[in-house]
Amino acid sequence: MIITLCGSTRYKEQFDLVNKELTLAGHIVLSCGCWGHVDPDPRIEERKEILDHVHKVKIDMSDAIYVINPEGYIGKSTRSEIDYAIKQGKKVFYLGDTV
């Protein structure tokens, strides 16, 4: 299965762990290319609209999304990605789900 990881970029460590586990389980994993909450590069904020679009294209390419939501946290951008994935008929998994 092709799976796009979604969630706040403040959780980079969790993204890396989930990416590893899903890859070891035989899935193709698409993740974030920029980490706005932990990378001070000003281009990330300047290009947020483009980055959001690119992430939705990754969702289009996927069979499912996997939401990384420690302690249940889902922010505005992640909620938008979940809603988009559902509208596209994608499966939605959450942190802790077995895929």
C-alpha atoms as a PDB file:
ATOM      1  CA  MET A   1       0.000   0.000   0.000  1.00  0.00           C
ATOM      2  CA  ILE A   2       1.139   3.584  -0.630  1.00  0.00           C
ATOM      3  CA  ILE A   3       0.626   5.679   2.508  1.00  0.00           C
ATOM      4  CA  THR A   4       1.083   9.411   3.062  1.00  0.00           C
ATOM      5  CA  LEU A   5       1.959  10.508   6.576  1.00  0.00           C
ATOM      6  CA  CYS A   6      -0.025  13.482   7.891  1.00  0.00           C
ATOM      7  CA  GLY A   7       0.266  15.463  11.091  1.00  0.00           C
ATOM      8  CA  SER A   8       1.961  18.443  12.646  1.00  0.00           C
ATOM      9  CA  THR A   9       5.563  18.905  11.544  1.00  0.00           C
ATOM     10  CA  ARG A  10       6.460  19.452  15.206  1.00  0.00           C
ATOM     11  CA  TYR A  11       6.358  15.639  15.512  1.00  0.00           C
ATOM     12  CA  LYS A  12       9.298  14.882  13.206  1.00  0.00           C
ATOM     13  CA  GLU A  13      10.631  12.147  15.494  1.00  0.00           C
ATOM     14  CA  GLN A  14       7.278  10.337  15.428  1.00  0.00           C
ATOM     15  CA  PHE A  15       7.104  10.731  11.626  1.00  0.00           C
ATOM     16  CA  ASP A  16      10.502   9.054  11.354  1.00  0.00           C
ATOM     17  CA  LEU A  17       9.462   6.176  13.618  1.00  0.00           C
ATOM     18  CA  VAL A  18       6.162   5.567  11.810  1.00  0.00           C
ATOM     19  CA  ASN A  19       7.888   5.839   8.428  1.00  0.00           C
ATOM     20  CA  LYS A  20      10.361   3.160   9.506  1.00  0.00           C
ATOM     21  CA  GLU A  21       7.689   0.800  10.857  1.00  0.00           C
ATOM     22  CA  LEU A  22       5.432   1.125   7.817  1.00  0.00           C
ATOM     23  CA  THR A  23       8.390   0.671   5.460  1.00  0.00           C
ATOM     24  CA  LEU A  24       9.500  -2.451   7.334  1.00  0.00           C
ATOM     25  CA  ALA A  25       5.925  -3.736   6.973  1.00  0.00           C
ATOM     26  CA  GLY A  26       6.311  -3.436   3.192  1.00  0.00           C
ATOM     27  CA  HIS A  27       4.459  -0.190   2.510  1.00  0.00           C
ATOM     28  CA  ILE A  28       5.600   2.701   0.322  1.00  0.00           C
ATOM     29  CA  VAL A  29       5.609   5.773   2.555  1.00  0.00           C
ATOM     30  CA  LEU A  30       5.336   9.408   1.456  1.00  0.00           C
ATOM     31  CA  SER A  31       6.184  11.954   4.120  1.00  0.00           C
ATOM     32  CA  CYS A  32       6.882  15.640   4.626  1.00  0.00           C
ATOM     33  CA  GLY A  33       9.840  17.152   2.835  1.00  0.00           C
ATOM     34  CA  CYS A  34      10.005  20.219   5.084  1.00  0.00           C
ATOM     35  CA  TRP A  35       9.585  20.540   8.836  1.00  0.00           C
ATOM     36  CA  GLY A  36       8.166  24.013   9.460  1.00  0.00           C
ATOM     37  CA  HIS A  37       7.889  23.708  13.231  1.00  0.00           C
ATOM     38  CA  VAL A  38      11.456  22.513  13.748  1.00  0.00           C
ATOM     39  CA  ASP A  39      13.364  24.030  10.792  1.00  0.00           C
ATOM     40  CA  PRO A  40      14.056  27.780  10.891  1.00  0.00           C
ATOM     41  CA  ASP A  41      14.386  28.041   7.069  1.00  0.00           C
ATOM     42  CA  PRO A  42      12.202  31.074   6.183  1.00  0.00           C
ATOM     43  CA  ARG A  43      11.362  29.619   2.757  1.00  0.00           C
ATOM     44  CA  ILE A  44       9.136  27.027   4.421  1.00  0.00           C
ATOM     45  CA  GLU A  45       6.678  29.613   5.728  1.00  0.00           C
ATOM     46  CA  GLU A  46       6.960  31.667   2.524  1.00  0.00           C
ATOM     47  CA  ARG A  47       5.983  28.616   0.466  1.00  0.00           C
ATOM     48  CA  LYS A  48       3.416  27.076   2.815  1.00  0.00           C
ATOM     49  CA  GLU A  49       0.654  27.251   0.206  1.00  0.00           C
ATOM     50  CA  ILE A  50       2.806  25.350  -2.308  1.00  0.00           C
ATOM     51  CA  LEU A  51       3.863  22.808   0.322  1.00  0.00           C
ATOM     52  CA  ASP A  52       0.220  22.209   1.294  1.00  0.00           C
ATOM     53  CA  HIS A  53      -0.629  21.607  -2.366  1.00  0.00           C
ATOM     54  CA  VAL A  54       2.299  19.204  -2.798  1.00  0.00           C
ATOM     55  CA  HIS A  55       1.162  17.254   0.256  1.00  0.00           C
ATOM     56  CA  LYS A  56      -2.342  16.898  -1.175  1.00  0.00           C
ATOM     57  CA  VAL A  57      -0.837  15.588  -4.412  1.00  0.00           C
ATOM     58  CA  LYS A  58       0.957  12.975  -2.298  1.00  0.00           C
ATOM     59  CA  ILE A  59      -2.430  12.057  -0.817  1.00  0.00           C
ATOM     60  CA  ASP A  60      -3.804  11.726  -4.354  1.00  0.00           C
ATOM     61  CA  MET A  61      -0.997   9.268  -5.142  1.00  0.00           C
ATOM     62  CA  SER A  62      -1.707   7.211  -2.018  1.00  0.00           C
ATOM     63  CA  ASP A  63      -4.075   4.433  -1.062  1.00  0.00           C
ATOM     64  CA  ALA A  64      -4.312   5.778   2.484  1.00  0.00           C
ATOM     65  CA  ILE A  65      -3.093   8.374   4.929  1.00  0.00           C
ATOM     66  CA  TYR A  66      -1.647   7.710   8.366  1.00  0.00           C
ATOM     67  CA  VAL A  67      -2.305  10.512  10.842  1.00  0.00           C
ATOM     68  CA  ILE A  68       0.412  11.095  13.399  1.00  0.00           C
ATOM     69  CA  ASN A  69      -1.494  12.645  16.284  1.00  0.00           C
ATOM     70  CA  PRO A  70       0.259  12.179  19.635  1.00  0.00           C
ATOM     71  CA  GLU A  71      -2.153  12.726  22.531  1.00  0.00           C
ATOM     72  CA  GLY A  72      -4.951  13.114  19.961  1.00  0.00           C
ATOM     73  CA  TYR A  73      -3.683  16.454  18.620  1.00  0.00           C
ATOM     74  CA  ILE A  74      -5.012  17.348  15.165  1.00  0.00           C
ATOM     75  CA  GLY A  75      -4.382  20.894  13.967  1.00  0.00           C
ATOM     76  CA  LYS A  76      -6.066  22.880  11.212  1.00  0.00           C
ATOM     77  CA  SER A  77      -3.757  21.735   8.397  1.00  0.00           C
ATOM     78  CA  THR A  78      -3.978  18.088   9.416  1.00  0.00           C
ATOM     79  CA  ARG A  79      -7.781  18.314   9.669  1.00  0.00           C
ATOM     80  CA  SER A  80      -7.789  19.715   6.124  1.00  0.00           C
ATOM     81  CA  GLU A  81      -5.667  16.780   4.923  1.00  0.00           C
ATOM     82  CA  ILE A  82      -7.947  14.245   6.626  1.00  0.00           C
ATOM     83  CA  ASP A  83     -11.047  15.836   5.091  1.00  0.00           C
ATOM     84  CA  TYR A  84      -9.359  15.906   1.687  1.00  0.00           C
ATOM     85  CA  ALA A  85      -8.337  12.238   1.939  1.00  0.00           C
ATOM     86  CA  ILE A  86     -11.859  11.190   2.915  1.00  0.00           C
ATOM     87  CA  LYS A  87     -13.331  13.130  -0.030  1.00  0.00           C
ATOM     88  CA  GLN A  88     -10.866  11.324  -2.304  1.00  0.00           C
ATOM     89  CA  GLY A  89     -11.973   7.950  -0.923  1.00  0.00           C
ATOM     90  CA  LYS A  90      -8.688   7.204   0.842  1.00  0.00           C
ATOM     91  CA  LYS A  91      -8.401   5.028   3.930  1.00  0.00           C
ATOM     92  CA  VAL A  92      -7.490   6.927   7.083  1.00  0.00           C
ATOM     93  CA  PHE A  93      -5.384   5.377   9.827  1.00  0.00           C
ATOM     94  CA  TYR A  94      -4.357   7.031  13.086  1.00  0.00           C
ATOM     95  CA  LEU A  95      -1.309   6.711  15.325  1.00  0.00           C
ATOM     96  CA  GLY A  96      -1.393   3.310  16.935  1.00  0.00           C
ATOM     97  CA  ASP A  97      -3.510   1.683  14.217  1.00  0.00           C
ATOM     98  CA  THR A  98      -2.196  -1.493  12.628  1.00  0.00           C
ATOM     99  CA  VAL A  99      -1.925  -1.163   8.878  1.00  0.00           C
END
